[in-house]
N, C-alpha and C. Protein backbone atom coordinates (compact mmCIF):
# COMPACT_ATOMS: atom_id res chain seq x y z
N MET A 1 9.21 -28.68 28.58
CA MET A 1 10.20 -29.41 27.78
C MET A 1 10.06 -29.01 26.30
N LYS A 2 11.21 -29.00 25.60
CA LYS A 2 11.16 -28.69 24.18
C LYS A 2 10.47 -29.79 23.41
N ARG A 3 9.79 -29.39 22.36
CA ARG A 3 9.16 -30.37 21.48
C ARG A 3 10.23 -31.28 20.91
N GLY A 4 10.03 -32.59 21.03
CA GLY A 4 11.00 -33.53 20.51
C GLY A 4 11.97 -34.04 21.55
N SER A 5 11.83 -33.58 22.80
CA SER A 5 12.76 -34.01 23.85
C SER A 5 12.58 -35.49 24.18
N TYR A 6 11.31 -35.95 24.19
CA TYR A 6 11.04 -37.36 24.50
C TYR A 6 11.14 -38.24 23.26
N ARG A 7 10.73 -37.71 22.13
CA ARG A 7 10.82 -38.45 20.88
C ARG A 7 11.03 -37.46 19.74
N PRO A 8 11.65 -37.87 18.67
CA PRO A 8 11.96 -36.93 17.58
C PRO A 8 10.69 -36.31 17.01
N ALA A 9 10.72 -35.00 16.79
CA ALA A 9 9.59 -34.31 16.16
C ALA A 9 9.57 -34.64 14.68
N THR A 10 8.40 -34.95 14.15
CA THR A 10 8.29 -35.28 12.73
C THR A 10 7.55 -34.18 12.00
N LEU A 11 7.99 -33.93 10.77
CA LEU A 11 7.33 -32.92 9.95
C LEU A 11 6.05 -33.49 9.35
N ASN A 12 5.06 -32.65 9.25
CA ASN A 12 3.85 -33.02 8.53
C ASN A 12 4.23 -33.42 7.10
N GLU A 13 3.62 -34.49 6.58
CA GLU A 13 4.00 -35.02 5.27
C GLU A 13 3.82 -33.99 4.15
N ALA A 14 2.70 -33.27 4.19
CA ALA A 14 2.45 -32.27 3.16
C ALA A 14 3.48 -31.14 3.25
N TYR A 15 3.83 -30.76 4.49
CA TYR A 15 4.84 -29.71 4.67
C TYR A 15 6.19 -30.18 4.13
N GLN A 16 6.53 -31.45 4.41
CA GLN A 16 7.80 -31.99 3.95
C GLN A 16 7.89 -31.98 2.43
N LYS A 17 6.78 -32.38 1.78
CA LYS A 17 6.76 -32.37 0.32
C LYS A 17 6.92 -30.95 -0.22
N GLY A 18 6.23 -29.99 0.44
CA GLY A 18 6.34 -28.60 0.03
C GLY A 18 7.75 -28.08 0.21
N SER A 19 8.38 -28.48 1.31
CA SER A 19 9.74 -28.05 1.59
C SER A 19 10.70 -28.60 0.54
N ASN A 20 10.52 -29.87 0.19
CA ASN A 20 11.37 -30.47 -0.84
C ASN A 20 11.18 -29.80 -2.19
N ALA A 21 9.93 -29.48 -2.52
CA ALA A 21 9.65 -28.82 -3.80
C ALA A 21 10.29 -27.44 -3.84
N MET A 22 10.26 -26.73 -2.72
CA MET A 22 10.84 -25.39 -2.68
C MET A 22 12.34 -25.41 -2.93
N LYS A 23 13.00 -26.49 -2.51
CA LYS A 23 14.45 -26.61 -2.74
C LYS A 23 14.76 -26.69 -4.23
N ILE A 24 13.77 -27.07 -5.02
CA ILE A 24 13.93 -27.14 -6.47
C ILE A 24 13.45 -25.85 -7.13
N THR A 25 12.28 -25.38 -6.71
CA THR A 25 11.67 -24.26 -7.43
C THR A 25 12.27 -22.90 -7.09
N ALA A 26 12.75 -22.72 -5.86
CA ALA A 26 13.35 -21.43 -5.50
C ALA A 26 14.59 -21.12 -6.33
N PRO A 27 15.54 -22.06 -6.46
CA PRO A 27 16.69 -21.79 -7.33
C PRO A 27 16.28 -21.64 -8.80
N ALA A 28 15.29 -22.42 -9.23
CA ALA A 28 14.83 -22.32 -10.62
C ALA A 28 14.25 -20.94 -10.90
N ALA A 29 13.46 -20.42 -9.96
CA ALA A 29 12.89 -19.08 -10.11
C ALA A 29 13.99 -18.03 -10.16
N SER A 30 15.01 -18.20 -9.35
CA SER A 30 16.14 -17.26 -9.36
C SER A 30 16.84 -17.26 -10.71
N ARG A 31 16.98 -18.44 -11.31
CA ARG A 31 17.60 -18.52 -12.64
C ARG A 31 16.76 -17.80 -13.69
N ILE A 32 15.46 -17.95 -13.61
CA ILE A 32 14.56 -17.28 -14.56
C ILE A 32 14.70 -15.76 -14.43
N VAL A 33 14.68 -15.27 -13.21
CA VAL A 33 14.79 -13.82 -12.99
C VAL A 33 16.14 -13.30 -13.48
N ARG A 34 17.19 -14.06 -13.26
CA ARG A 34 18.52 -13.63 -13.73
C ARG A 34 18.55 -13.52 -15.25
N ARG A 35 17.93 -14.47 -15.93
CA ARG A 35 17.93 -14.44 -17.39
C ARG A 35 17.08 -13.29 -17.93
N LEU A 36 16.06 -12.90 -17.16
CA LEU A 36 15.19 -11.79 -17.58
C LEU A 36 15.69 -10.42 -17.11
N GLN A 37 16.76 -10.42 -16.32
CA GLN A 37 17.23 -9.18 -15.70
C GLN A 37 17.44 -8.03 -16.69
N PRO A 38 17.99 -8.27 -17.88
CA PRO A 38 18.17 -7.14 -18.81
C PRO A 38 16.88 -6.44 -19.20
N TYR A 39 15.75 -7.13 -19.04
CA TYR A 39 14.46 -6.56 -19.44
C TYR A 39 13.69 -5.96 -18.26
N LEU A 40 14.24 -6.07 -17.06
CA LEU A 40 13.52 -5.66 -15.85
C LEU A 40 13.97 -4.30 -15.33
N SER A 41 14.92 -3.69 -16.01
CA SER A 41 15.41 -2.38 -15.56
C SER A 41 14.28 -1.36 -15.53
N ARG A 42 14.20 -0.60 -14.46
CA ARG A 42 13.20 0.46 -14.23
C ARG A 42 11.80 -0.08 -13.95
N LEU A 43 11.65 -1.39 -13.86
CA LEU A 43 10.36 -1.97 -13.51
C LEU A 43 10.28 -2.18 -12.00
N GLU A 44 9.06 -2.14 -11.49
CA GLU A 44 8.78 -2.37 -10.08
C GLU A 44 8.19 -3.77 -9.95
N THR A 45 9.07 -4.76 -9.81
CA THR A 45 8.64 -6.16 -9.90
C THR A 45 8.22 -6.77 -8.57
N GLY A 46 8.53 -6.09 -7.45
CA GLY A 46 8.16 -6.66 -6.16
C GLY A 46 8.89 -7.97 -5.91
N ARG A 47 8.21 -8.91 -5.29
CA ARG A 47 8.82 -10.21 -4.94
C ARG A 47 8.65 -11.18 -6.12
N LEU A 48 9.26 -10.84 -7.22
CA LEU A 48 9.08 -11.60 -8.46
C LEU A 48 9.57 -13.03 -8.32
N THR A 49 10.73 -13.22 -7.73
CA THR A 49 11.28 -14.57 -7.58
C THR A 49 10.34 -15.44 -6.76
N VAL A 50 9.77 -14.90 -5.71
CA VAL A 50 8.86 -15.66 -4.85
C VAL A 50 7.60 -16.03 -5.63
N ARG A 51 7.08 -15.10 -6.40
CA ARG A 51 5.86 -15.37 -7.19
C ARG A 51 6.10 -16.46 -8.23
N ILE A 52 7.24 -16.37 -8.90
CA ILE A 52 7.56 -17.39 -9.91
C ILE A 52 7.77 -18.75 -9.25
N SER A 53 8.46 -18.77 -8.13
CA SER A 53 8.70 -20.03 -7.42
C SER A 53 7.40 -20.72 -7.05
N GLY A 54 6.42 -19.96 -6.58
CA GLY A 54 5.13 -20.54 -6.21
C GLY A 54 4.43 -21.19 -7.39
N LYS A 55 4.50 -20.55 -8.55
CA LYS A 55 3.84 -21.10 -9.74
C LYS A 55 4.60 -22.31 -10.28
N LEU A 56 5.91 -22.30 -10.18
CA LEU A 56 6.70 -23.48 -10.57
C LEU A 56 6.40 -24.65 -9.64
N ARG A 57 6.24 -24.35 -8.36
CA ARG A 57 5.97 -25.40 -7.37
C ARG A 57 4.63 -26.07 -7.65
N LYS A 58 3.65 -25.29 -8.04
CA LYS A 58 2.34 -25.87 -8.37
C LYS A 58 2.45 -26.82 -9.56
N ALA A 59 3.21 -26.41 -10.58
CA ALA A 59 3.41 -27.27 -11.76
C ALA A 59 4.18 -28.53 -11.39
N LEU A 60 5.19 -28.37 -10.53
CA LEU A 60 6.01 -29.52 -10.13
C LEU A 60 5.18 -30.54 -9.37
N LYS A 61 4.32 -30.07 -8.48
CA LYS A 61 3.50 -30.99 -7.69
C LYS A 61 2.49 -31.73 -8.57
N GLU A 62 1.97 -31.05 -9.58
CA GLU A 62 0.95 -31.66 -10.43
C GLU A 62 1.53 -32.55 -11.51
N GLY A 63 2.64 -32.11 -12.10
CA GLY A 63 3.18 -32.86 -13.24
C GLY A 63 4.50 -33.54 -13.02
N GLY A 64 5.14 -33.26 -11.88
CA GLY A 64 6.41 -33.91 -11.59
C GLY A 64 7.60 -33.34 -12.31
N ARG A 65 7.43 -32.18 -12.97
CA ARG A 65 8.56 -31.54 -13.65
C ARG A 65 8.37 -30.03 -13.66
N LEU A 66 9.48 -29.33 -13.90
CA LEU A 66 9.44 -27.87 -13.94
C LEU A 66 8.91 -27.41 -15.29
N THR A 67 7.75 -26.81 -15.28
CA THR A 67 7.19 -26.22 -16.50
C THR A 67 6.71 -24.81 -16.17
N PHE A 68 6.37 -24.06 -17.21
CA PHE A 68 5.94 -22.67 -17.04
C PHE A 68 4.42 -22.53 -17.12
N THR A 69 3.72 -23.64 -16.98
CA THR A 69 2.26 -23.67 -17.18
C THR A 69 1.54 -22.57 -16.43
N TYR A 70 1.83 -22.41 -15.14
CA TYR A 70 1.08 -21.48 -14.30
C TYR A 70 1.63 -20.07 -14.31
N LEU A 71 2.63 -19.83 -15.15
CA LEU A 71 3.14 -18.47 -15.30
C LEU A 71 2.34 -17.68 -16.34
N LYS A 72 1.53 -18.36 -17.14
CA LYS A 72 0.76 -17.67 -18.15
C LYS A 72 -0.18 -16.64 -17.52
N GLY A 73 -0.13 -15.42 -18.07
CA GLY A 73 -0.97 -14.34 -17.57
C GLY A 73 -0.34 -13.53 -16.45
N MET A 74 0.86 -13.89 -16.03
CA MET A 74 1.50 -13.19 -14.92
C MET A 74 2.13 -11.87 -15.38
N ASP A 75 1.78 -10.78 -14.70
CA ASP A 75 2.41 -9.49 -14.95
C ASP A 75 3.67 -9.38 -14.11
N MET A 76 4.74 -8.89 -14.72
CA MET A 76 5.98 -8.70 -13.97
C MET A 76 5.85 -7.57 -12.96
N GLN A 77 4.95 -6.63 -13.21
CA GLN A 77 4.71 -5.52 -12.29
C GLN A 77 3.27 -5.62 -11.75
N PRO A 78 3.08 -6.17 -10.58
CA PRO A 78 1.72 -6.30 -10.05
C PRO A 78 0.98 -4.97 -9.93
N ARG A 79 1.70 -3.91 -9.60
CA ARG A 79 1.05 -2.60 -9.43
C ARG A 79 0.84 -1.87 -10.76
N HIS A 80 1.51 -2.32 -11.78
CA HIS A 80 1.40 -1.67 -13.09
C HIS A 80 1.22 -2.73 -14.18
N PRO A 81 0.07 -3.41 -14.18
CA PRO A 81 -0.16 -4.46 -15.17
C PRO A 81 -0.21 -3.90 -16.59
N LEU A 82 0.05 -4.76 -17.53
CA LEU A 82 0.15 -4.37 -18.94
C LEU A 82 -1.12 -3.67 -19.43
N TRP A 83 -2.28 -4.15 -18.99
CA TRP A 83 -3.54 -3.59 -19.52
C TRP A 83 -3.74 -2.13 -19.15
N LYS A 84 -3.07 -1.66 -18.10
CA LYS A 84 -3.21 -0.25 -17.73
C LYS A 84 -2.44 0.67 -18.67
N LEU A 85 -1.54 0.08 -19.46
CA LEU A 85 -0.74 0.87 -20.39
C LEU A 85 -1.15 0.61 -21.84
N LEU A 86 -1.27 -0.66 -22.21
CA LEU A 86 -1.60 -1.04 -23.58
C LEU A 86 -3.11 -1.05 -23.76
N GLN A 87 -3.61 -0.15 -24.60
CA GLN A 87 -5.05 -0.02 -24.80
C GLN A 87 -5.58 -0.90 -25.94
N ALA A 88 -4.70 -1.27 -26.86
CA ALA A 88 -5.10 -2.13 -27.98
C ALA A 88 -4.86 -3.59 -27.61
N PRO A 89 -5.70 -4.50 -28.07
CA PRO A 89 -5.49 -5.92 -27.75
C PRO A 89 -4.28 -6.49 -28.47
N ALA A 90 -3.61 -7.42 -27.81
CA ALA A 90 -2.49 -8.14 -28.42
C ALA A 90 -3.01 -9.52 -28.82
N HIS A 91 -3.04 -9.78 -30.12
CA HIS A 91 -3.53 -11.07 -30.62
C HIS A 91 -2.37 -12.04 -30.76
N VAL A 92 -2.47 -13.15 -30.04
CA VAL A 92 -1.38 -14.13 -29.98
C VAL A 92 -1.77 -15.37 -30.77
N LYS A 93 -0.89 -15.79 -31.66
CA LYS A 93 -1.10 -17.02 -32.43
C LYS A 93 0.09 -17.94 -32.24
N VAL A 94 -0.18 -19.17 -31.85
CA VAL A 94 0.88 -20.15 -31.63
C VAL A 94 0.61 -21.35 -32.52
N ASP A 95 1.62 -21.73 -33.32
CA ASP A 95 1.50 -22.99 -34.06
C ASP A 95 2.68 -23.88 -33.66
N ALA A 96 2.91 -24.93 -34.41
CA ALA A 96 3.93 -25.90 -34.02
C ALA A 96 5.34 -25.32 -34.03
N GLN A 97 5.57 -24.30 -34.83
CA GLN A 97 6.94 -23.81 -35.01
C GLN A 97 7.15 -22.35 -34.61
N GLU A 98 6.08 -21.58 -34.41
CA GLU A 98 6.26 -20.14 -34.27
C GLU A 98 5.18 -19.53 -33.39
N ILE A 99 5.55 -18.46 -32.70
CA ILE A 99 4.58 -17.62 -32.01
C ILE A 99 4.58 -16.25 -32.67
N THR A 100 3.38 -15.73 -32.90
CA THR A 100 3.22 -14.42 -33.54
C THR A 100 2.27 -13.57 -32.73
N VAL A 101 2.64 -12.32 -32.53
CA VAL A 101 1.81 -11.36 -31.81
C VAL A 101 1.51 -10.19 -32.73
N ASN A 102 0.23 -9.84 -32.86
CA ASN A 102 -0.19 -8.70 -33.67
C ASN A 102 -0.89 -7.66 -32.80
N ILE A 103 -0.47 -6.41 -32.95
CA ILE A 103 -1.05 -5.31 -32.18
C ILE A 103 -1.35 -4.16 -33.13
N ALA A 104 -2.59 -3.67 -33.11
CA ALA A 104 -2.94 -2.52 -33.94
C ALA A 104 -2.21 -1.28 -33.45
N VAL A 105 -1.55 -0.58 -34.38
CA VAL A 105 -0.83 0.64 -34.03
C VAL A 105 -1.62 1.82 -34.57
N LYS A 106 -2.18 2.59 -33.67
CA LYS A 106 -3.02 3.71 -34.05
C LYS A 106 -2.91 4.78 -32.97
N GLU A 107 -3.65 5.85 -33.13
CA GLU A 107 -3.63 6.89 -32.12
C GLU A 107 -4.14 6.33 -30.78
N PHE A 108 -3.39 6.58 -29.74
CA PHE A 108 -3.73 6.14 -28.39
C PHE A 108 -3.74 4.62 -28.24
N THR A 109 -2.85 3.93 -28.98
CA THR A 109 -2.64 2.51 -28.70
C THR A 109 -2.18 2.32 -27.26
N LEU A 110 -1.38 3.27 -26.78
CA LEU A 110 -0.93 3.27 -25.40
C LEU A 110 -1.55 4.43 -24.63
N LYS A 111 -1.77 4.20 -23.34
CA LYS A 111 -2.24 5.28 -22.48
C LYS A 111 -1.05 6.15 -22.09
N ARG A 112 -1.20 7.43 -22.30
CA ARG A 112 -0.11 8.36 -21.99
C ARG A 112 -0.24 8.80 -20.53
N HIS A 113 0.68 8.34 -19.70
CA HIS A 113 0.58 8.64 -18.27
C HIS A 113 1.15 10.00 -17.90
N ASN A 114 1.96 10.57 -18.77
CA ASN A 114 2.43 11.94 -18.51
C ASN A 114 2.73 12.63 -19.84
N GLY A 115 2.83 13.93 -19.79
CA GLY A 115 2.97 14.72 -21.01
C GLY A 115 4.31 14.64 -21.68
N ILE A 116 5.31 14.07 -21.01
CA ILE A 116 6.65 14.02 -21.64
C ILE A 116 6.92 12.70 -22.36
N VAL A 117 6.00 11.75 -22.26
CA VAL A 117 6.14 10.51 -23.04
C VAL A 117 5.86 10.82 -24.51
N THR A 118 6.80 10.45 -25.37
CA THR A 118 6.68 10.78 -26.79
C THR A 118 6.54 9.56 -27.70
N ASP A 119 7.14 8.45 -27.31
CA ASP A 119 7.20 7.29 -28.20
C ASP A 119 7.09 6.00 -27.37
N TYR A 120 6.96 4.90 -28.09
CA TYR A 120 6.92 3.59 -27.43
C TYR A 120 7.36 2.52 -28.42
N TYR A 121 7.68 1.36 -27.86
CA TYR A 121 8.00 0.21 -28.72
C TYR A 121 7.70 -1.08 -27.96
N PHE A 122 7.61 -2.17 -28.70
CA PHE A 122 7.29 -3.48 -28.14
C PHE A 122 8.50 -4.41 -28.23
N GLU A 123 8.54 -5.37 -27.32
CA GLU A 123 9.50 -6.46 -27.37
C GLU A 123 8.76 -7.77 -27.13
N LEU A 124 9.07 -8.77 -27.93
CA LEU A 124 8.59 -10.12 -27.69
C LEU A 124 9.78 -10.94 -27.24
N ILE A 125 9.67 -11.50 -26.05
CA ILE A 125 10.78 -12.23 -25.42
C ILE A 125 10.38 -13.68 -25.25
N LEU A 126 11.24 -14.58 -25.66
CA LEU A 126 10.99 -16.02 -25.52
C LEU A 126 12.06 -16.61 -24.61
N LEU A 127 11.63 -17.09 -23.44
CA LEU A 127 12.53 -17.78 -22.52
C LEU A 127 12.20 -19.25 -22.53
N TRP A 128 13.21 -20.10 -22.73
CA TRP A 128 12.92 -21.52 -22.83
C TRP A 128 14.07 -22.37 -22.30
N GLY A 129 13.74 -23.63 -22.00
CA GLY A 129 14.76 -24.57 -21.54
C GLY A 129 14.50 -25.09 -20.14
N ASP A 130 15.55 -25.62 -19.55
CA ASP A 130 15.48 -26.29 -18.25
C ASP A 130 15.85 -25.32 -17.14
N ALA A 131 14.84 -24.88 -16.39
CA ALA A 131 15.09 -23.94 -15.28
C ALA A 131 15.79 -24.62 -14.11
N GLY A 132 15.88 -25.94 -14.14
CA GLY A 132 16.55 -26.67 -13.06
C GLY A 132 18.05 -26.74 -13.21
N SER A 133 18.56 -26.22 -14.31
CA SER A 133 20.00 -26.27 -14.58
C SER A 133 20.56 -24.85 -14.68
N ASP A 134 21.76 -24.65 -14.17
CA ASP A 134 22.38 -23.33 -14.17
C ASP A 134 22.58 -22.76 -15.57
N LYS A 135 22.80 -23.63 -16.54
CA LYS A 135 23.00 -23.16 -17.91
C LYS A 135 21.91 -23.69 -18.84
N GLY A 136 20.74 -23.95 -18.26
CA GLY A 136 19.69 -24.60 -19.04
C GLY A 136 18.70 -23.68 -19.71
N LEU A 137 18.76 -22.36 -19.43
CA LEU A 137 17.78 -21.43 -19.98
C LEU A 137 18.37 -20.57 -21.09
N ARG A 138 17.56 -20.33 -22.11
CA ARG A 138 17.95 -19.46 -23.21
C ARG A 138 16.88 -18.39 -23.44
N VAL A 139 17.31 -17.28 -24.00
CA VAL A 139 16.39 -16.18 -24.28
C VAL A 139 16.56 -15.71 -25.72
N GLU A 140 15.43 -15.57 -26.42
CA GLU A 140 15.41 -14.97 -27.75
C GLU A 140 14.49 -13.75 -27.68
N GLU A 141 14.73 -12.77 -28.54
CA GLU A 141 13.86 -11.60 -28.52
C GLU A 141 13.79 -10.95 -29.89
N VAL A 142 12.72 -10.19 -30.09
CA VAL A 142 12.56 -9.38 -31.29
C VAL A 142 11.91 -8.07 -30.88
N ASP A 143 12.38 -6.97 -31.47
CA ASP A 143 11.88 -5.63 -31.14
C ASP A 143 11.05 -5.07 -32.29
N SER A 144 10.12 -4.20 -31.95
CA SER A 144 9.32 -3.49 -32.95
C SER A 144 10.03 -2.19 -33.33
N PRO A 145 9.56 -1.52 -34.37
CA PRO A 145 10.01 -0.13 -34.60
C PRO A 145 9.54 0.75 -33.44
N VAL A 146 10.04 1.96 -33.38
CA VAL A 146 9.59 2.94 -32.39
C VAL A 146 8.43 3.73 -32.99
N TYR A 147 7.36 3.86 -32.22
CA TYR A 147 6.15 4.55 -32.69
C TYR A 147 5.90 5.82 -31.88
N ARG A 148 5.40 6.87 -32.55
CA ARG A 148 4.95 8.07 -31.86
C ARG A 148 3.66 7.76 -31.12
N ILE A 149 3.51 8.24 -29.91
CA ILE A 149 2.41 7.79 -29.06
C ILE A 149 1.05 8.31 -29.52
N GLU A 150 0.98 9.46 -30.17
CA GLU A 150 -0.31 10.01 -30.55
C GLU A 150 -0.52 10.01 -32.07
N GLU A 151 0.26 9.23 -32.77
CA GLU A 151 0.12 9.21 -34.23
C GLU A 151 -0.68 7.98 -34.66
N ASP A 152 -1.57 8.17 -35.61
CA ASP A 152 -2.37 7.07 -36.13
C ASP A 152 -1.67 6.51 -37.36
N TYR A 153 -0.99 5.38 -37.19
CA TYR A 153 -0.25 4.78 -38.29
C TYR A 153 -1.15 3.94 -39.19
N SER A 154 -2.34 3.60 -38.68
CA SER A 154 -3.26 2.74 -39.43
C SER A 154 -2.55 1.49 -39.93
N THR A 155 -1.77 0.88 -39.04
CA THR A 155 -1.01 -0.30 -39.40
C THR A 155 -1.04 -1.28 -38.23
N GLU A 156 -0.28 -2.32 -38.34
CA GLU A 156 -0.24 -3.35 -37.31
C GLU A 156 1.20 -3.72 -37.04
N CYS A 157 1.54 -3.85 -35.78
CA CYS A 157 2.86 -4.32 -35.38
C CYS A 157 2.79 -5.84 -35.27
N GLN A 158 3.69 -6.51 -35.97
CA GLN A 158 3.74 -7.97 -35.91
C GLN A 158 5.12 -8.41 -35.41
N LEU A 159 5.12 -9.22 -34.36
CA LEU A 159 6.35 -9.75 -33.78
C LEU A 159 6.28 -11.28 -33.81
N SER A 160 7.33 -11.92 -34.30
CA SER A 160 7.33 -13.38 -34.41
C SER A 160 8.66 -13.96 -33.95
N LEU A 161 8.58 -15.13 -33.33
CA LEU A 161 9.77 -15.86 -32.92
C LEU A 161 9.56 -17.35 -33.16
N VAL A 162 10.63 -18.04 -33.53
CA VAL A 162 10.58 -19.49 -33.72
C VAL A 162 10.59 -20.16 -32.36
N LEU A 163 9.72 -21.13 -32.18
CA LEU A 163 9.62 -21.84 -30.91
C LEU A 163 10.74 -22.88 -30.79
N PRO A 164 11.10 -23.24 -29.54
CA PRO A 164 12.17 -24.23 -29.33
C PRO A 164 11.73 -25.63 -29.73
N PRO A 165 12.65 -26.58 -29.73
CA PRO A 165 12.30 -27.96 -30.08
C PRO A 165 11.20 -28.51 -29.18
N GLU A 166 10.44 -29.43 -29.72
CA GLU A 166 9.34 -30.03 -28.99
C GLU A 166 9.81 -30.64 -27.67
N GLY A 167 9.04 -30.41 -26.62
CA GLY A 167 9.38 -30.95 -25.31
C GLY A 167 10.13 -30.00 -24.42
N GLN A 168 10.59 -28.87 -24.97
CA GLN A 168 11.28 -27.87 -24.18
C GLN A 168 10.26 -26.86 -23.63
N PRO A 169 10.19 -26.69 -22.31
CA PRO A 169 9.27 -25.69 -21.76
C PRO A 169 9.65 -24.29 -22.24
N TRP A 170 8.64 -23.47 -22.53
CA TRP A 170 8.91 -22.10 -22.96
C TRP A 170 7.81 -21.16 -22.48
N MET A 171 8.16 -19.90 -22.39
CA MET A 171 7.17 -18.86 -22.13
C MET A 171 7.49 -17.65 -22.98
N ALA A 172 6.44 -17.01 -23.49
CA ALA A 172 6.58 -15.80 -24.30
C ALA A 172 6.09 -14.62 -23.49
N ILE A 173 6.86 -13.55 -23.52
CA ILE A 173 6.58 -12.35 -22.72
C ILE A 173 6.49 -11.15 -23.65
N LEU A 174 5.45 -10.37 -23.49
CA LEU A 174 5.31 -9.12 -24.24
C LEU A 174 5.67 -7.96 -23.31
N LYS A 175 6.58 -7.12 -23.80
CA LYS A 175 6.97 -5.94 -23.02
C LYS A 175 6.71 -4.68 -23.84
N VAL A 176 6.19 -3.65 -23.20
CA VAL A 176 5.99 -2.34 -23.80
C VAL A 176 6.84 -1.33 -23.02
N SER A 177 7.60 -0.53 -23.74
CA SER A 177 8.44 0.49 -23.10
C SER A 177 8.13 1.85 -23.70
N CYS A 178 8.02 2.86 -22.84
CA CYS A 178 7.80 4.23 -23.29
C CYS A 178 9.12 5.01 -23.30
N ILE A 179 9.14 6.02 -24.16
CA ILE A 179 10.31 6.87 -24.32
C ILE A 179 9.91 8.31 -24.05
N GLU A 180 10.78 9.02 -23.37
CA GLU A 180 10.57 10.45 -23.09
C GLU A 180 11.64 11.23 -23.84
N GLY A 181 11.29 11.73 -25.02
CA GLY A 181 12.28 12.42 -25.85
C GLY A 181 13.31 11.46 -26.39
N ARG A 182 14.54 11.55 -25.87
CA ARG A 182 15.60 10.65 -26.32
C ARG A 182 15.99 9.62 -25.26
N GLU A 183 15.25 9.58 -24.17
CA GLU A 183 15.58 8.69 -23.06
C GLU A 183 14.41 7.75 -22.77
N LEU A 184 14.75 6.57 -22.25
CA LEU A 184 13.70 5.69 -21.76
C LEU A 184 13.00 6.33 -20.57
N ALA A 185 11.71 6.08 -20.45
CA ALA A 185 10.93 6.66 -19.36
C ALA A 185 11.47 6.20 -18.01
N MET A 186 11.31 7.04 -17.01
CA MET A 186 11.82 6.74 -15.68
C MET A 186 10.82 5.97 -14.82
N ALA A 187 9.55 6.32 -14.89
CA ALA A 187 8.56 5.75 -13.97
C ALA A 187 8.14 4.35 -14.38
N PRO A 188 8.01 3.42 -13.43
CA PRO A 188 7.59 2.05 -13.73
C PRO A 188 6.25 1.95 -14.44
N ARG A 189 5.34 2.92 -14.20
CA ARG A 189 4.02 2.85 -14.82
C ARG A 189 4.08 3.02 -16.34
N ASN A 190 5.22 3.48 -16.86
CA ASN A 190 5.39 3.62 -18.30
C ASN A 190 5.96 2.37 -18.97
N TYR A 191 5.88 1.26 -18.24
CA TYR A 191 6.30 -0.04 -18.78
C TYR A 191 5.23 -1.07 -18.47
N GLY A 192 5.10 -2.04 -19.35
CA GLY A 192 4.23 -3.18 -19.11
C GLY A 192 4.95 -4.43 -19.57
N MET A 193 4.83 -5.51 -18.80
CA MET A 193 5.55 -6.75 -19.15
C MET A 193 4.76 -7.93 -18.61
N LYS A 194 4.33 -8.80 -19.51
CA LYS A 194 3.42 -9.87 -19.12
C LYS A 194 3.69 -11.16 -19.89
N VAL A 195 3.56 -12.30 -19.21
CA VAL A 195 3.66 -13.60 -19.88
C VAL A 195 2.36 -13.83 -20.65
N ILE A 196 2.47 -13.92 -21.97
CA ILE A 196 1.26 -14.01 -22.79
C ILE A 196 0.99 -15.42 -23.34
N ALA A 197 1.98 -16.30 -23.26
CA ALA A 197 1.79 -17.67 -23.76
C ALA A 197 2.86 -18.57 -23.15
N VAL A 198 2.51 -19.84 -22.96
CA VAL A 198 3.46 -20.84 -22.48
C VAL A 198 3.25 -22.11 -23.28
N GLY A 199 4.24 -23.00 -23.22
CA GLY A 199 4.09 -24.25 -23.97
C GLY A 199 5.25 -25.18 -23.71
N GLY A 200 5.30 -26.24 -24.53
CA GLY A 200 6.38 -27.19 -24.45
C GLY A 200 6.16 -28.30 -23.45
N VAL A 201 4.89 -28.51 -23.04
CA VAL A 201 4.62 -29.57 -22.08
C VAL A 201 3.68 -30.62 -22.69
């Protein structure tokens, strides 16, 4: 006889809670990925929506709301994490109104994965708002100048963005892109993209 033929089959309580949470976090993760889509071109992100949904679900179960708490430290490319490309440390400073990232720009700041990579640049991306709403997310960004990959500038790249109003969940993402002559690099390993800070909770 089929399960439930004599009496209705009941779902395990923990499974039911997980199922209910997924109905919230799966669409929220899809919204996040859609908003980040312009920055994901040529990247090998794998099952990014699933990974984000899992981290949102953990935050939802613990705090009862959608926050980006557990997204901190997540690389958009699991096979090509940021540290394999960026050799210099990225110093992140967050205060009440602003996030600032400083990176030393010198010879071999980036690892050169092939001989045709000539230049690189950084982007600081701030995604914030309500991931539970179709129009609840916003994105701000700032770009660095373009740097020659083997030149020692003896300087520092500084990227800053104003944080959203208090109480709004946000995450800051650092992206590094390589250039081959006059074109963006083709291979995913010539890009790095990672969540470097979260807040608003």
